[in-house]
Amino acid sequence: MPNSRFIVPTAAADVSIPSGRFVLRVAVSVLLTTLNAGVIAVFGGTLYRATANHPLWFFGVSLLFAALLGSLARVWIITLRGRTQ
């Protein structure tokens, strides 16, 4: 009779458990997303009104918001790529 403690059910072997590093990256990404959304919600309208009549300032503030969203997208891309490693 074979030793039964070495038999692993196939359903249990197929389940992947996220690593601690991935869970931490997701938590940091959620935190950064929340903070960025708060910054945009609090300061977005004020900055728009302050720069509406100054095209160069408006362009600069738009670049800053684009950089903010671009860095947030990069954080999520790095986080989700780490899921498969």
N, C-alpha and C. Protein backbone atom coordinates (compact mmCIF):
# COMPACT_ATOMS: atom_id res chain seq x y z
N MET A 1 0.85 -1.18 0.00
CA MET A 1 0.00 0.00 0.00
C MET A 1 0.89 1.24 0.00
N PRO A 2 0.60 2.20 -0.89
CA PRO A 2 1.45 3.39 -0.96
C PRO A 2 1.26 4.28 0.28
N ASN A 3 2.28 5.05 0.54
CA ASN A 3 2.23 5.97 1.66
C ASN A 3 1.30 7.13 1.30
N SER A 4 0.20 7.30 2.02
CA SER A 4 -0.84 8.25 1.63
C SER A 4 -0.50 9.69 1.98
N ARG A 5 0.47 9.94 2.83
CA ARG A 5 0.73 11.34 3.16
C ARG A 5 1.48 12.08 2.05
N PHE A 6 1.99 11.39 1.05
CA PHE A 6 2.65 12.03 -0.07
C PHE A 6 1.73 12.23 -1.26
N ILE A 7 0.50 11.81 -1.17
CA ILE A 7 -0.46 11.99 -2.25
C ILE A 7 -1.10 13.37 -2.09
N VAL A 8 -0.95 14.18 -3.14
CA VAL A 8 -1.49 15.53 -3.11
C VAL A 8 -2.66 15.59 -4.07
N PRO A 9 -3.82 16.04 -3.61
CA PRO A 9 -4.94 16.18 -4.54
C PRO A 9 -4.61 17.22 -5.61
N THR A 10 -5.10 16.98 -6.82
CA THR A 10 -4.78 17.90 -7.92
C THR A 10 -5.41 19.27 -7.71
N ALA A 11 -6.55 19.35 -7.08
CA ALA A 11 -7.19 20.65 -6.86
C ALA A 11 -6.34 21.52 -5.94
N ALA A 12 -5.73 20.93 -4.94
CA ALA A 12 -4.90 21.70 -4.02
C ALA A 12 -3.59 22.11 -4.68
N ALA A 13 -3.09 21.32 -5.59
CA ALA A 13 -1.83 21.63 -6.24
C ALA A 13 -1.99 22.76 -7.27
N ASP A 14 -3.19 22.97 -7.80
CA ASP A 14 -3.42 23.99 -8.82
C ASP A 14 -3.68 25.38 -8.24
N VAL A 15 -3.94 25.48 -6.96
CA VAL A 15 -4.26 26.77 -6.35
C VAL A 15 -2.97 27.54 -6.10
N SER A 16 -2.92 28.75 -6.59
CA SER A 16 -1.75 29.57 -6.34
C SER A 16 -2.08 30.59 -5.25
N ILE A 17 -1.21 30.69 -4.28
CA ILE A 17 -1.39 31.61 -3.17
C ILE A 17 -0.49 32.81 -3.44
N PRO A 18 -1.05 34.03 -3.39
CA PRO A 18 -0.21 35.19 -3.65
C PRO A 18 0.88 35.32 -2.59
N SER A 19 2.05 35.73 -3.02
CA SER A 19 3.16 35.88 -2.09
C SER A 19 2.95 37.12 -1.22
N GLY A 20 3.68 37.17 -0.13
CA GLY A 20 3.58 38.32 0.77
C GLY A 20 4.02 39.60 0.10
N ARG A 21 5.00 39.50 -0.79
CA ARG A 21 5.50 40.69 -1.50
C ARG A 21 4.41 41.23 -2.43
N PHE A 22 3.68 40.34 -3.11
CA PHE A 22 2.60 40.79 -4.00
C PHE A 22 1.49 41.48 -3.21
N VAL A 23 1.13 40.90 -2.08
CA VAL A 23 0.09 41.50 -1.25
C VAL A 23 0.53 42.87 -0.76
N LEU A 24 1.79 43.01 -0.39
CA LEU A 24 2.30 44.30 0.05
C LEU A 24 2.29 45.31 -1.09
N ARG A 25 2.67 44.87 -2.29
CA ARG A 25 2.64 45.78 -3.45
C ARG A 25 1.23 46.25 -3.77
N VAL A 26 0.26 45.34 -3.67
CA VAL A 26 -1.14 45.73 -3.91
C VAL A 26 -1.59 46.74 -2.86
N ALA A 27 -1.22 46.52 -1.61
CA ALA A 27 -1.60 47.45 -0.55
C ALA A 27 -0.99 48.83 -0.79
N VAL A 28 0.28 48.88 -1.20
CA VAL A 28 0.93 50.16 -1.48
C VAL A 28 0.28 50.83 -2.70
N SER A 29 -0.07 50.05 -3.70
CA SER A 29 -0.72 50.60 -4.90
C SER A 29 -2.09 51.19 -4.57
N VAL A 30 -2.84 50.50 -3.73
CA VAL A 30 -4.15 51.01 -3.32
C VAL A 30 -3.98 52.29 -2.51
N LEU A 31 -2.98 52.32 -1.63
CA LEU A 31 -2.73 53.53 -0.84
C LEU A 31 -2.35 54.71 -1.74
N LEU A 32 -1.46 54.48 -2.70
CA LEU A 32 -1.07 55.55 -3.62
C LEU A 32 -2.23 56.01 -4.48
N THR A 33 -3.06 55.08 -4.91
CA THR A 33 -4.24 55.45 -5.70
C THR A 33 -5.18 56.34 -4.89
N THR A 34 -5.38 55.98 -3.64
CA THR A 34 -6.26 56.76 -2.77
C THR A 34 -5.68 58.16 -2.54
N LEU A 35 -4.39 58.23 -2.27
CA LEU A 35 -3.76 59.53 -2.05
C LEU A 35 -3.81 60.40 -3.31
N ASN A 36 -3.54 59.81 -4.46
CA ASN A 36 -3.58 60.58 -5.71
C ASN A 36 -5.00 61.06 -6.02
N ALA A 37 -5.99 60.21 -5.77
CA ALA A 37 -7.38 60.64 -5.99
C ALA A 37 -7.74 61.78 -5.05
N GLY A 38 -7.25 61.73 -3.82
CA GLY A 38 -7.50 62.83 -2.88
C GLY A 38 -6.85 64.13 -3.32
N VAL A 39 -5.61 64.04 -3.80
CA VAL A 39 -4.92 65.24 -4.28
C VAL A 39 -5.66 65.84 -5.46
N ILE A 40 -6.09 65.01 -6.39
CA ILE A 40 -6.81 65.52 -7.56
C ILE A 40 -8.15 66.12 -7.15
N ALA A 41 -8.85 65.47 -6.22
CA ALA A 41 -10.15 65.97 -5.80
C ALA A 41 -10.03 67.29 -5.04
N VAL A 42 -9.01 67.41 -4.21
CA VAL A 42 -8.87 68.61 -3.38
C VAL A 42 -8.29 69.78 -4.16
N PHE A 43 -7.24 69.52 -4.94
CA PHE A 43 -6.52 70.61 -5.57
C PHE A 43 -6.81 70.80 -7.05
N GLY A 44 -7.46 69.84 -7.69
CA GLY A 44 -7.69 69.92 -9.13
C GLY A 44 -8.50 71.13 -9.55
N GLY A 45 -9.62 71.35 -8.89
CA GLY A 45 -10.47 72.49 -9.24
C GLY A 45 -9.80 73.82 -8.98
N THR A 46 -9.10 73.93 -7.85
CA THR A 46 -8.41 75.16 -7.52
C THR A 46 -7.32 75.48 -8.53
N LEU A 47 -6.54 74.47 -8.87
CA LEU A 47 -5.47 74.69 -9.85
C LEU A 47 -6.03 75.02 -11.23
N TYR A 48 -7.15 74.41 -11.57
CA TYR A 48 -7.76 74.74 -12.87
C TYR A 48 -8.21 76.19 -12.90
N ARG A 49 -8.89 76.63 -11.85
CA ARG A 49 -9.36 78.01 -11.81
C ARG A 49 -8.19 79.00 -11.77
N ALA A 50 -7.11 78.63 -11.10
CA ALA A 50 -5.96 79.54 -10.98
C ALA A 50 -5.19 79.66 -12.30
N THR A 51 -5.24 78.63 -13.12
CA THR A 51 -4.44 78.64 -14.35
C THR A 51 -5.27 78.76 -15.61
N ALA A 52 -6.57 78.95 -15.50
CA ALA A 52 -7.44 78.97 -16.68
C ALA A 52 -7.09 80.08 -17.66
N ASN A 53 -6.66 81.22 -17.17
CA ASN A 53 -6.36 82.35 -18.05
C ASN A 53 -4.88 82.46 -18.41
N HIS A 54 -4.08 81.50 -18.00
CA HIS A 54 -2.64 81.51 -18.27
C HIS A 54 -2.28 80.21 -19.00
N PRO A 55 -2.20 80.24 -20.32
CA PRO A 55 -1.98 79.00 -21.08
C PRO A 55 -0.70 78.26 -20.70
N LEU A 56 0.37 78.98 -20.41
CA LEU A 56 1.62 78.32 -20.06
C LEU A 56 1.53 77.64 -18.70
N TRP A 57 0.93 78.31 -17.73
CA TRP A 57 0.73 77.71 -16.41
C TRP A 57 -0.20 76.51 -16.50
N PHE A 58 -1.25 76.67 -17.32
CA PHE A 58 -2.20 75.56 -17.49
C PHE A 58 -1.50 74.34 -18.09
N PHE A 59 -0.63 74.58 -19.06
CA PHE A 59 0.12 73.49 -19.67
C PHE A 59 1.03 72.82 -18.63
N GLY A 60 1.68 73.62 -17.79
CA GLY A 60 2.55 73.07 -16.76
C GLY A 60 1.81 72.25 -15.73
N VAL A 61 0.68 72.75 -15.28
CA VAL A 61 -0.13 72.01 -14.31
C VAL A 61 -0.69 70.74 -14.94
N SER A 62 -1.07 70.82 -16.20
CA SER A 62 -1.55 69.62 -16.90
C SER A 62 -0.45 68.56 -17.00
N LEU A 63 0.78 69.00 -17.25
CA LEU A 63 1.91 68.06 -17.27
C LEU A 63 2.14 67.44 -15.90
N LEU A 64 1.99 68.22 -14.86
CA LEU A 64 2.15 67.67 -13.50
C LEU A 64 1.10 66.60 -13.20
N PHE A 65 -0.15 66.87 -13.58
CA PHE A 65 -1.21 65.87 -13.37
C PHE A 65 -0.97 64.64 -14.24
N ALA A 66 -0.49 64.84 -15.46
CA ALA A 66 -0.19 63.69 -16.32
C ALA A 66 0.94 62.86 -15.73
N ALA A 67 1.95 63.51 -15.16
CA ALA A 67 3.05 62.78 -14.51
C ALA A 67 2.54 62.02 -13.29
N LEU A 68 1.63 62.62 -12.55
CA LEU A 68 1.02 61.95 -11.39
C LEU A 68 0.28 60.69 -11.82
N LEU A 69 -0.54 60.81 -12.85
CA LEU A 69 -1.29 59.65 -13.32
C LEU A 69 -0.39 58.62 -13.99
N GLY A 70 0.64 59.09 -14.69
CA GLY A 70 1.58 58.17 -15.32
C GLY A 70 2.37 57.36 -14.29
N SER A 71 2.79 58.00 -13.22
CA SER A 71 3.51 57.26 -12.18
C SER A 71 2.58 56.27 -11.48
N LEU A 72 1.32 56.64 -11.33
CA LEU A 72 0.36 55.72 -10.73
C LEU A 72 0.13 54.51 -11.64
N ALA A 73 0.03 54.74 -12.94
CA ALA A 73 -0.12 53.63 -13.88
C ALA A 73 1.10 52.72 -13.85
N ARG A 74 2.29 53.31 -13.74
CA ARG A 74 3.52 52.51 -13.67
C ARG A 74 3.54 51.65 -12.41
N VAL A 75 3.11 52.19 -11.29
CA VAL A 75 3.06 51.41 -10.04
C VAL A 75 2.14 50.21 -10.21
N TRP A 76 0.97 50.41 -10.80
CA TRP A 76 0.04 49.29 -10.99
C TRP A 76 0.57 48.26 -11.98
N ILE A 77 1.22 48.72 -13.04
CA ILE A 77 1.79 47.79 -14.03
C ILE A 77 2.86 46.92 -13.38
N ILE A 78 3.74 47.53 -12.61
CA ILE A 78 4.78 46.77 -11.93
C ILE A 78 4.17 45.80 -10.93
N THR A 79 3.14 46.25 -10.22
CA THR A 79 2.48 45.39 -9.24
C THR A 79 1.84 44.17 -9.90
N LEU A 80 1.10 44.41 -10.97
CA LEU A 80 0.38 43.29 -11.60
C LEU A 80 1.31 42.37 -12.38
N ARG A 81 2.43 42.87 -12.87
CA ARG A 81 3.42 41.98 -13.50
C ARG A 81 4.06 41.07 -12.46
N GLY A 82 4.21 41.55 -11.25
CA GLY A 82 4.80 40.75 -10.18
C GLY A 82 3.92 39.60 -9.73
N ARG A 83 2.65 39.63 -10.10
CA ARG A 83 1.72 38.57 -9.72
C ARG A 83 2.09 37.26 -10.36
N THR A 84 2.62 37.27 -11.56
CA THR A 84 2.92 36.03 -12.29
C THR A 84 4.31 35.49 -12.01
N GLN A 85 5.11 36.25 -11.30
CA GLN A 85 6.49 35.79 -11.04
C GLN A 85 6.56 34.94 -9.81
